[in-house]
């Protein structure tokens, strides 16, 4: 097999709990699955909800360093799958020469992606609408979660997902992604021409408001070297890891990674 380990990297407003179904399915395929939490988020969900300051100030580089350390400790390069900001981190890890392959699921954009549509800015307004949020942990209301995160679900199903998975998110990564193009040596920069990058698959959702498919397509187009591919699912929202049909997204990603990853 091309890889024996899979590292799943969650995004903002989530914890490793969001990967439960994916981890089970991958384990059933005989893979070793790692679902690390972000640094400073290793608290019970109830504690994170009660004290958003626990995650305040956490940034993209700290999250990337944390996952790089785990990956460097594995016996062989893993398949890295990241969702949302976790998909941004996946790109940064591959840019460091890590991983057998990477799958960026509805990923936060790297530096150089300019086309941010109004619906994305609206979805990010609970964070970016207040510059004093920069070093804070910011929760979403159930209504905000439904608009930006789980709009493919009905209101009742979205609320159940919010009650189960949602935690306050550090605001800094959103600011770093939103203003990366205006920041010298931004934490979100990658080398789009790196010759030895592991294969990378972008996954986009046509109903996603937090990272619209147009943003993912532009991020994909920026790459100028290596195996970099795109797959779009027209009817999926940002909560693609948890909404019905997630199995198809996962199975497609694993099949792709098995085809393009170098054999040990």
Protein backbone atom coordinates (compact mmCIF):
# COMPACT_ATOMS: atom_id res chain seq x y z
CA UNK A 1 0.00 0.00 0.00
CA UNK A 2 1.13 3.55 -0.70
CA UNK A 3 0.62 4.61 2.93
CA UNK A 4 -0.32 2.96 6.21
CA UNK A 5 -1.17 6.02 8.30
CA UNK A 6 -3.74 8.76 7.88
CA UNK A 7 -3.63 12.06 9.79
CA UNK A 8 -6.97 13.91 10.01
CA UNK A 9 -6.74 17.64 10.80
CA UNK A 10 -9.91 19.37 11.95
CA UNK A 11 -10.79 22.98 11.28
CA UNK A 12 -12.21 25.94 13.13
CA UNK A 13 -15.21 25.45 15.43
CA UNK A 14 -14.54 21.69 15.47
CA UNK A 15 -12.58 19.12 17.49
CA UNK A 16 -11.36 15.61 16.55
CA UNK A 17 -14.87 14.41 17.37
CA UNK A 18 -15.90 15.69 13.93
CA UNK A 19 -13.74 12.94 12.38
CA UNK A 20 -15.34 10.03 14.27
CA UNK A 21 -17.11 8.51 11.26
CA UNK A 22 -14.16 9.05 8.94
CA UNK A 23 -11.74 7.51 11.44
CA UNK A 24 -13.92 4.43 11.86
CA UNK A 25 -14.21 3.89 8.10
CA UNK A 26 -10.48 4.36 7.56
CA UNK A 27 -9.67 1.97 10.40
CA UNK A 28 -11.95 -0.62 8.81
CA UNK A 29 -9.77 -0.33 5.69
CA UNK A 30 -6.77 -1.40 7.78
CA UNK A 31 -5.22 2.04 8.11
CA UNK A 32 -3.74 3.57 11.26
CA UNK A 33 -5.67 6.76 11.92
CA UNK A 34 -4.47 9.77 13.91
CA UNK A 35 -6.93 12.49 14.91
CA UNK A 36 -4.85 15.01 16.85
CA UNK A 37 -6.46 18.01 18.43
CA UNK A 38 -4.99 21.44 17.87
CA UNK A 39 -2.57 22.72 20.51
CA UNK A 40 -4.28 24.22 23.56
CA UNK A 41 -7.54 22.54 22.55
CA UNK A 42 -6.93 19.32 24.49
CA UNK A 43 -9.80 20.05 26.87
CA UNK A 44 -13.28 18.52 27.08
CA UNK A 45 -15.76 20.20 24.77
CA UNK A 46 -17.72 21.54 27.74
CA UNK A 47 -14.59 23.33 29.03
CA UNK A 48 -13.82 24.86 25.63
CA UNK A 49 -17.39 26.14 25.37
CA UNK A 50 -17.28 27.57 28.87
CA UNK A 51 -13.98 29.39 28.39
CA UNK A 52 -13.28 30.61 24.82
CA UNK A 53 -10.08 32.27 26.03
CA UNK A 54 -8.44 28.81 26.11
CA UNK A 55 -7.95 29.02 22.35
CA UNK A 56 -7.43 32.78 22.05
CA UNK A 57 -4.40 33.81 20.00
CA UNK A 58 -3.74 30.38 18.50
CA UNK A 59 -2.41 30.86 14.97
CA UNK A 60 -1.74 28.96 11.77
CA UNK A 61 1.98 28.44 12.31
CA UNK A 62 1.49 27.03 15.81
CA UNK A 63 -1.13 24.59 14.50
CA UNK A 64 1.09 23.57 11.57
CA UNK A 65 4.15 23.05 13.79
CA UNK A 66 2.08 20.90 16.12
CA UNK A 67 0.97 18.56 13.34
CA UNK A 68 4.39 18.52 11.69
CA UNK A 69 5.89 17.17 14.90
CA UNK A 70 3.39 14.31 14.96
CA UNK A 71 3.94 13.46 11.29
CA UNK A 72 7.73 13.53 11.62
CA UNK A 73 7.41 10.93 14.38
CA UNK A 74 5.62 8.39 12.18
CA UNK A 75 7.49 5.50 10.60
CA UNK A 76 6.35 6.34 7.06
CA UNK A 77 4.78 9.39 5.39
CA UNK A 78 1.01 9.48 5.95
CA UNK A 79 -1.94 10.56 3.91
CA UNK A 80 -2.87 13.97 5.35
CA UNK A 81 -6.53 15.01 5.17
CA UNK A 82 -7.51 18.41 6.50
CA UNK A 83 -10.83 20.21 6.60
CA UNK A 84 -11.25 24.01 6.38
CA UNK A 85 -8.29 25.62 8.14
CA UNK A 86 -7.09 22.05 8.53
CA UNK A 87 -7.02 21.99 4.71
CA UNK A 88 -4.87 25.12 4.75
CA UNK A 89 -2.57 23.39 7.26
CA UNK A 90 -2.45 20.36 4.94
CA UNK A 91 -1.09 22.59 2.17
CA UNK A 92 1.50 24.06 4.53
CA UNK A 93 2.62 20.60 5.67
CA UNK A 94 3.08 19.40 2.10
CA UNK A 95 5.01 22.61 1.43
CA UNK A 96 7.40 21.49 4.19
CA UNK A 97 8.00 18.22 2.37
CA UNK A 98 5.78 16.12 4.62
CA UNK A 99 3.17 13.49 3.75
CA UNK A 100 2.69 10.82 1.09
CA UNK A 101 -0.28 12.80 -0.26
CA UNK A 102 -2.65 15.49 0.95
CA UNK A 103 -6.37 16.09 0.65
CA UNK A 104 -7.52 19.64 1.35
CA UNK A 105 -11.27 19.48 2.04
CA UNK A 106 -12.93 22.89 1.53
CA UNK A 107 -9.62 24.45 2.64
CA UNK A 108 -8.82 27.89 3.91
CA UNK A 109 -6.94 29.75 1.20
CA UNK A 110 -3.19 30.19 0.97
CA UNK A 111 -1.53 33.51 0.20
CA UNK A 112 -2.10 34.49 -3.42
CA UNK A 113 -5.80 33.66 -3.59
CA UNK A 114 -7.62 36.95 -4.16
CA UNK A 115 -11.18 36.15 -5.20
CA UNK A 116 -13.10 36.17 -1.92
CA UNK A 117 -16.84 36.40 -2.69
CA UNK A 118 -19.29 38.39 -0.54
CA UNK A 119 -20.97 35.26 0.85
CA UNK A 120 -17.63 34.13 2.31
CA UNK A 121 -17.11 37.48 3.98
CA UNK A 122 -20.64 37.30 5.38
CA UNK A 123 -20.00 33.83 6.80
CA UNK A 124 -16.80 35.12 8.43
CA UNK A 125 -18.42 38.27 9.82
CA UNK A 126 -18.86 36.87 13.37
CA UNK A 127 -15.05 36.85 13.55
CA UNK A 128 -13.71 39.37 11.04
CA UNK A 129 -16.44 41.92 11.77
CA UNK A 130 -14.65 42.94 14.96
CA UNK A 131 -10.86 43.55 14.76
CA UNK A 132 -10.65 43.17 18.54
CA UNK A 133 -11.42 39.47 18.03
CA UNK A 134 -7.89 38.83 16.74
CA UNK A 135 -6.57 37.23 19.93
CA UNK A 136 -9.88 35.85 21.17
CA UNK A 137 -11.78 32.60 20.92
CA UNK A 138 -15.07 33.24 19.13
CA UNK A 139 -18.14 30.95 19.19
CA UNK A 140 -20.90 30.78 16.61
CA UNK A 141 -24.57 30.92 17.42
CA UNK A 142 -26.73 28.09 16.12
CA UNK A 143 -28.04 30.44 13.42
CA UNK A 144 -24.55 31.50 12.34
CA UNK A 145 -23.46 27.86 12.22
CA UNK A 146 -26.43 26.99 10.02
CA UNK A 147 -25.76 29.86 7.62
CA UNK A 148 -22.04 29.39 7.12
CA UNK A 149 -21.28 25.83 8.10
CA UNK A 150 -24.21 23.43 7.72
CA UNK A 151 -26.57 25.10 5.24
CA UNK A 152 -27.10 21.82 3.36
CA UNK A 153 -28.92 20.52 6.45
CA UNK A 154 -32.34 21.63 7.64
CA UNK A 155 -32.44 23.87 10.70
CA UNK A 156 -33.13 21.03 13.14
CA UNK A 157 -30.28 18.83 11.86
CA UNK A 158 -27.93 21.79 11.80
CA UNK A 159 -28.76 22.61 15.42
CA UNK A 160 -28.06 19.00 16.43
CA UNK A 161 -24.67 19.21 14.71
CA UNK A 162 -23.95 22.53 16.44
CA UNK A 163 -24.90 21.07 19.83
CA UNK A 164 -22.70 18.01 19.23
CA UNK A 165 -19.56 19.37 17.59
CA UNK A 166 -19.29 23.15 17.91
CA UNK A 167 -16.66 24.82 20.09
CA UNK A 168 -15.31 28.40 20.09
CA UNK A 169 -12.59 28.93 17.49
CA UNK A 170 -9.42 30.99 17.66
CA UNK A 171 -9.97 34.02 15.49
CA UNK A 172 -6.35 34.52 14.45
CA UNK A 173 -6.30 31.88 11.63
CA UNK A 174 -9.26 33.56 9.93
CA UNK A 175 -7.52 36.93 10.07
CA UNK A 176 -4.31 35.34 8.77
CA UNK A 177 -6.14 33.75 5.83
CA UNK A 178 -8.24 36.83 5.05
CA UNK A 179 -5.31 39.28 5.09
CA UNK A 180 -2.50 36.99 3.93
CA UNK A 181 -2.15 38.84 0.63
CA UNK A 182 -1.44 42.06 2.51
CA UNK A 183 1.06 40.52 4.93
CA UNK A 184 4.77 40.13 4.09
CA UNK A 185 5.97 36.61 4.91
CA UNK A 186 2.42 35.60 5.73
CA UNK A 187 1.85 32.42 7.72
CA UNK A 188 -0.35 31.19 4.85
CA UNK A 189 2.27 31.35 2.09
CA UNK A 190 3.38 28.27 0.15
CA UNK A 191 5.74 27.70 -2.77
CA UNK A 192 3.36 27.01 -5.66
CA UNK A 193 6.32 25.81 -7.76
CA UNK A 194 7.90 23.42 -5.28
CA UNK A 195 9.11 20.48 -7.42
CA UNK A 196 9.03 17.72 -4.80
CA UNK A 197 5.67 18.34 -3.16
CA UNK A 198 3.53 15.27 -2.45
CA UNK A 199 0.35 14.94 -4.55
CA UNK A 200 -2.45 17.24 -3.46
CA UNK A 201 -6.21 16.94 -4.00
CA UNK A 202 -8.55 19.87 -3.46
CA UNK A 203 -12.15 19.06 -2.53
CA UNK A 204 -14.81 21.76 -3.02
CA UNK A 205 -18.52 21.98 -2.26
CA UNK A 206 -20.99 23.88 -4.39
CA UNK A 207 -23.10 24.93 -1.39
CA UNK A 208 -20.18 25.97 0.82
CA UNK A 209 -20.45 29.54 2.07
CA UNK A 210 -17.46 29.54 4.41
CA UNK A 211 -15.01 28.48 1.67
CA UNK A 212 -16.97 28.76 -1.59
CA UNK A 213 -16.01 26.48 -4.44
CA UNK A 214 -14.75 29.47 -6.45
CA UNK A 215 -12.12 30.08 -3.76
CA UNK A 216 -11.04 26.44 -3.79
CA UNK A 217 -10.81 26.48 -7.58
CA UNK A 218 -8.58 29.56 -7.51
CA UNK A 219 -6.40 28.03 -4.80
CA UNK A 220 -6.01 24.95 -7.01
CA UNK A 221 -5.12 27.06 -10.07
CA UNK A 222 -2.29 28.81 -8.23
CA UNK A 223 -0.19 25.64 -8.15
CA UNK A 224 2.34 25.33 -10.93
CA UNK A 225 4.13 22.05 -10.17
CA UNK A 226 3.50 18.48 -9.13
CA UNK A 227 0.28 16.49 -9.05
CA UNK A 228 -2.45 18.90 -7.92
CA UNK A 229 -6.05 17.97 -8.70
CA UNK A 230 -9.55 19.20 -7.90
CA UNK A 231 -12.85 17.41 -7.26
CA UNK A 232 -16.06 19.33 -6.68
CA UNK A 233 -19.33 18.10 -5.16
CA UNK A 234 -22.11 20.50 -6.18
CA UNK A 235 -24.54 19.72 -3.33
CA UNK A 236 -22.21 19.79 -0.33
CA UNK A 237 -21.78 22.50 2.32
CA UNK A 238 -18.84 23.33 4.56
CA UNK A 239 -19.95 20.59 6.96
CA UNK A 240 -19.17 17.97 4.34
CA UNK A 241 -17.34 15.77 6.86
CA UNK A 242 -20.56 15.24 8.82
CA UNK A 243 -23.51 15.62 6.48
CA UNK A 244 -25.10 12.66 4.65
CA UNK A 245 -22.94 11.32 1.83
CA UNK A 246 -19.63 11.88 3.61
CA UNK A 247 -18.69 8.28 2.74
CA UNK A 248 -18.49 9.14 -0.96
CA UNK A 249 -16.18 12.07 -0.30
CA UNK A 250 -13.88 9.98 1.87
CA UNK A 251 -13.81 6.95 -0.41
CA UNK A 252 -13.07 9.10 -3.46
CA UNK A 253 -10.22 10.81 -1.62
CA UNK A 254 -8.64 7.55 -0.47
CA UNK A 255 -8.88 5.97 -3.92
CA UNK A 256 -7.22 9.04 -5.42
CA UNK A 257 -4.44 8.99 -2.80
CA UNK A 258 -3.78 5.29 -3.36
CA UNK A 259 -3.38 5.93 -7.09
CA UNK A 260 -0.97 8.88 -6.85
CA UNK A 261 1.11 8.13 -3.72
CA UNK A 262 4.54 6.55 -4.14
CA UNK A 263 4.79 2.94 -3.04
CA UNK A 264 6.97 2.14 -0.05
